Amino acid sequence: MKKTLIMSFVAVTTLCCCSANAKQPATVETEKPAVETSVAISSQSADKVAAPDFTLKDINGKALSLSSLRGKYVVLDFWGSWCIWCIRGIPKMKEYYAKYNGKFEILGIDCNDPEDKWRAAVKEHELPWLHVYNPKESKLLEQYAIEGFPTKVIVDPQGNIYKTVIGEDPAFYALLDELFK
C-alpha cells in the first residue's frame, strides 16, 4: 500500500512538473500507461493524421521545416534542458540514434528554454541530431497537443503521425526496434 501511494505521488508530481497544459486532439486515442511512471503511448485512429508542418530556426540559425525531412521516419523530440526526464533519456536516445543510423532522423524541439540555455544544453550533452528552437510565441505545442515532457512524436515517411509517446519509456525504444529491424 505504501509503495503504491509513493508511486502515485511520484507519477502526479512528474506530470505536474513537466506539464505543457495543451489539449489532446480528438484524432488521438490515449492508451493505458506503459509503466507506473504515468507514461502514455498514444496512437492515431484508423485514419492517418498529417503531422502539422512547421519551420523553425535550427542550431545554426537557418530555417528548418519538418516537410524537408519527408521520405524517412522522423522522431520529433519535444524536450527542455530543465526537464530531468528529458535529460535522463539522452543516453538511450543517443544509443538508438547510432543503432539505426540513417533509418530515421531525430528533430529535437526546444520547449520553454531561453535560447542561450537551449544552445548550451545541446552542446553540453553532445546531441548529434537536428535541433530547432521553439520560441514562446509559437503555437507548435498546441498543434501537437503536447501535455508533458519529454514527448516523442514519430512521423512516418509520408508525413503522417505514426505514434506519440509521452514520458521516458522503454516501450518507445521497443517500437523503434520493431520499425527498423
Protein backbone atom coordinates (compact mmCIF):
# COMPACT_ATOMS: atom_id res chain seq x y z
CA MET A 1 0.00 0.00 0.00
CA LYS A 2 2.78 2.43 0.97
CA LYS A 3 4.72 1.64 -2.23
CA THR A 4 1.60 2.24 -4.36
CA LEU A 5 0.97 5.56 -2.60
CA ILE A 6 4.57 6.67 -3.16
CA MET A 7 4.46 5.64 -6.85
CA SER A 8 1.20 7.57 -7.30
CA PHE A 9 2.74 10.65 -5.70
CA VAL A 10 5.83 10.41 -7.94
CA ALA A 11 3.65 10.00 -11.03
CA VAL A 12 1.47 13.01 -10.20
CA THR A 13 4.49 15.12 -9.29
CA THR A 14 6.21 14.17 -12.55
CA LEU A 15 3.18 15.14 -14.61
CA CYS A 16 2.73 18.42 -12.75
CA CYS A 17 6.38 19.37 -13.12
CA CYS A 18 6.52 18.58 -16.81
CA SER A 19 3.04 19.66 -17.94
CA ALA A 20 2.59 21.84 -21.01
CA ASN A 21 -1.15 22.47 -20.42
CA ALA A 22 -2.02 21.60 -24.03
CA LYS A 23 -5.26 19.93 -25.12
CA GLN A 24 -5.37 16.45 -26.63
CA PRO A 25 -6.75 16.46 -30.21
CA ALA A 26 -9.86 14.41 -30.93
CA THR A 27 -7.99 12.31 -33.52
CA VAL A 28 -5.62 10.76 -30.98
CA GLU A 29 -6.62 7.91 -28.68
CA THR A 30 -4.77 7.53 -25.39
CA GLU A 31 -3.99 4.02 -24.23
CA LYS A 32 -3.15 2.91 -20.70
CA PRO A 33 0.28 3.99 -19.44
CA ALA A 34 3.02 1.54 -20.35
CA VAL A 35 4.73 1.86 -16.97
CA GLU A 36 3.84 3.11 -13.50
CA THR A 37 5.54 6.49 -14.03
CA SER A 38 2.49 7.83 -15.92
CA VAL A 39 3.96 7.40 -19.35
CA ALA A 40 1.31 7.29 -22.04
CA ILE A 41 1.58 5.97 -25.56
CA SER A 42 -0.97 7.37 -27.95
CA SER A 43 -1.78 6.11 -31.38
CA GLN A 44 -3.76 7.60 -34.19
CA SER A 45 -7.13 6.29 -35.24
CA ALA A 46 -7.53 4.23 -38.40
CA ASP A 47 -7.41 7.44 -40.46
CA LYS A 48 -3.96 8.88 -40.97
CA VAL A 49 -3.34 12.24 -39.36
CA ALA A 50 -0.93 14.55 -41.17
CA ALA A 51 1.79 15.92 -38.93
CA PRO A 52 1.44 19.71 -38.87
CA ASP A 53 4.30 21.20 -40.86
CA PHE A 54 6.39 23.90 -39.26
CA THR A 55 9.55 25.88 -39.91
CA LEU A 56 11.81 26.93 -37.05
CA LYS A 57 15.42 28.10 -36.76
CA ASP A 58 17.99 25.34 -36.28
CA ILE A 59 21.03 25.49 -34.01
CA ASN A 60 22.91 27.41 -36.74
CA GLY A 61 20.12 29.96 -37.19
CA LYS A 62 18.91 28.51 -40.51
CA ALA A 63 15.25 27.75 -41.26
CA LEU A 64 14.40 24.05 -40.99
CA SER A 65 10.97 22.66 -41.84
CA LEU A 66 9.53 19.29 -40.95
CA SER A 67 8.50 18.75 -44.59
CA SER A 68 12.18 18.92 -45.63
CA LEU A 69 12.69 15.61 -43.80
CA ARG A 70 9.94 13.75 -45.66
CA GLY A 71 10.91 10.33 -47.01
CA LYS A 72 12.13 8.80 -43.75
CA TYR A 73 10.82 8.34 -40.25
CA VAL A 74 11.32 11.39 -38.03
CA VAL A 75 11.13 11.48 -34.25
CA LEU A 76 10.06 14.89 -33.01
CA ASP A 77 11.58 15.08 -29.54
CA PHE A 78 9.86 17.81 -27.51
CA TRP A 79 12.24 18.44 -24.63
CA GLY A 80 13.80 21.07 -22.38
CA SER A 81 17.08 21.42 -20.53
CA TRP A 82 15.06 21.98 -17.33
CA CYS A 83 13.26 18.62 -17.66
CA ILE A 84 15.01 15.91 -15.62
CA TRP A 85 13.30 13.06 -17.53
CA CYS A 86 14.36 14.59 -20.84
CA ILE A 87 17.99 14.72 -19.69
CA ARG A 88 17.88 11.20 -18.22
CA GLY A 89 16.66 9.88 -21.57
CA ILE A 90 19.53 11.35 -23.61
CA PRO A 91 21.94 8.37 -23.31
CA LYS A 92 19.31 5.92 -24.63
CA MET A 93 18.32 8.34 -27.42
CA LYS A 94 21.98 8.58 -28.45
CA GLU A 95 22.28 4.79 -28.38
CA TYR A 96 19.27 4.33 -30.68
CA TYR A 97 20.26 7.18 -32.96
CA ALA A 98 23.58 5.38 -33.55
CA LYS A 99 21.97 1.91 -33.69
CA TYR A 100 19.64 2.87 -36.55
CA ASN A 101 21.88 5.44 -38.20
CA GLY A 102 20.31 6.59 -41.47
CA LYS A 103 16.97 4.82 -40.91
CA PHE A 104 15.36 7.73 -39.08
CA GLU A 105 16.06 11.28 -38.01
CA ILE A 106 15.55 12.91 -34.65
CA LEU A 107 14.48 16.53 -34.58
CA GLY A 108 14.94 17.95 -31.11
CA ILE A 109 12.41 20.71 -30.43
CA ASP A 110 13.24 23.05 -27.59
CA CYS A 111 10.41 23.70 -25.15
CA ASN A 112 10.38 26.55 -22.64
CA ASP A 113 14.12 27.29 -22.58
CA PRO A 114 15.77 30.65 -23.16
CA GLU A 115 17.73 30.35 -26.40
CA ASP A 116 21.14 30.53 -24.70
CA LYS A 117 20.25 27.69 -22.29
CA TRP A 118 18.95 25.55 -25.17
CA ARG A 119 22.17 26.05 -27.15
CA ALA A 120 24.27 25.29 -24.06
CA ALA A 121 22.31 22.08 -23.33
CA VAL A 122 22.70 20.79 -26.90
CA LYS A 123 26.45 21.42 -26.67
CA GLU A 124 26.87 20.09 -23.12
CA HIS A 125 25.06 16.81 -23.85
CA GLU A 126 26.67 16.47 -27.29
CA LEU A 127 23.39 15.79 -29.06
CA PRO A 128 24.23 14.66 -32.62
CA TRP A 129 20.79 15.05 -34.22
CA LEU A 130 18.96 18.04 -35.66
CA HIS A 131 17.66 20.75 -33.31
CA VAL A 132 15.30 23.68 -33.63
CA TYR A 133 14.44 26.49 -31.24
CA ASN A 134 10.75 26.84 -30.46
CA PRO A 135 10.06 30.44 -29.37
CA LYS A 136 7.47 31.13 -26.68
CA GLU A 137 5.04 32.75 -29.15
CA SER A 138 4.98 29.59 -31.29
CA LYS A 139 1.78 27.53 -31.40
CA LEU A 140 3.66 24.28 -32.10
CA LEU A 141 3.00 22.73 -28.66
CA GLU A 142 -0.73 23.30 -29.16
CA GLN A 143 -0.66 21.93 -32.72
CA TYR A 144 0.91 18.69 -31.48
CA ALA A 145 -1.16 18.58 -28.25
CA ILE A 146 1.94 18.37 -26.07
CA GLU A 147 0.90 17.73 -22.47
CA GLY A 148 4.20 16.82 -20.84
CA PHE A 149 7.89 16.40 -21.39
CA PRO A 150 9.54 14.62 -22.92
CA THR A 151 7.11 13.82 -25.70
CA LYS A 152 8.25 11.96 -28.78
CA VAL A 153 6.10 12.08 -31.91
CA ILE A 154 7.03 9.58 -34.61
CA VAL A 155 6.22 10.86 -38.08
CA ASP A 156 6.17 8.32 -40.92
CA PRO A 157 7.95 8.85 -44.27
CA GLN A 158 4.72 10.21 -45.82
CA GLY A 159 4.44 12.93 -43.15
CA ASN A 160 1.72 11.32 -41.02
CA ILE A 161 1.77 10.91 -37.26
CA TYR A 162 2.56 7.26 -36.54
CA LYS A 163 2.78 7.28 -32.72
CA THR A 164 3.10 9.69 -29.82
CA VAL A 165 4.96 8.66 -26.67
CA ILE A 166 4.65 10.83 -23.58
CA GLY A 167 7.38 10.43 -20.98
CA GLU A 168 10.57 8.42 -20.95
CA ASP A 169 9.59 4.80 -21.56
CA PRO A 170 11.34 1.62 -22.75
CA ALA A 171 8.29 0.98 -24.95
CA PHE A 172 9.45 3.82 -27.22
CA TYR A 173 12.73 2.03 -27.90
CA ALA A 174 10.94 -1.29 -28.39
CA LEU A 175 8.81 0.47 -31.01
CA LEU A 176 11.95 1.70 -32.80
CA ASP A 177 13.30 -1.86 -32.75
CA GLU A 178 10.02 -3.06 -34.26
CA LEU A 179 10.11 -0.42 -37.00
CA PHE A 180 13.75 -0.76 -38.04
CA LYS A 181 14.74 -4.44 -37.60
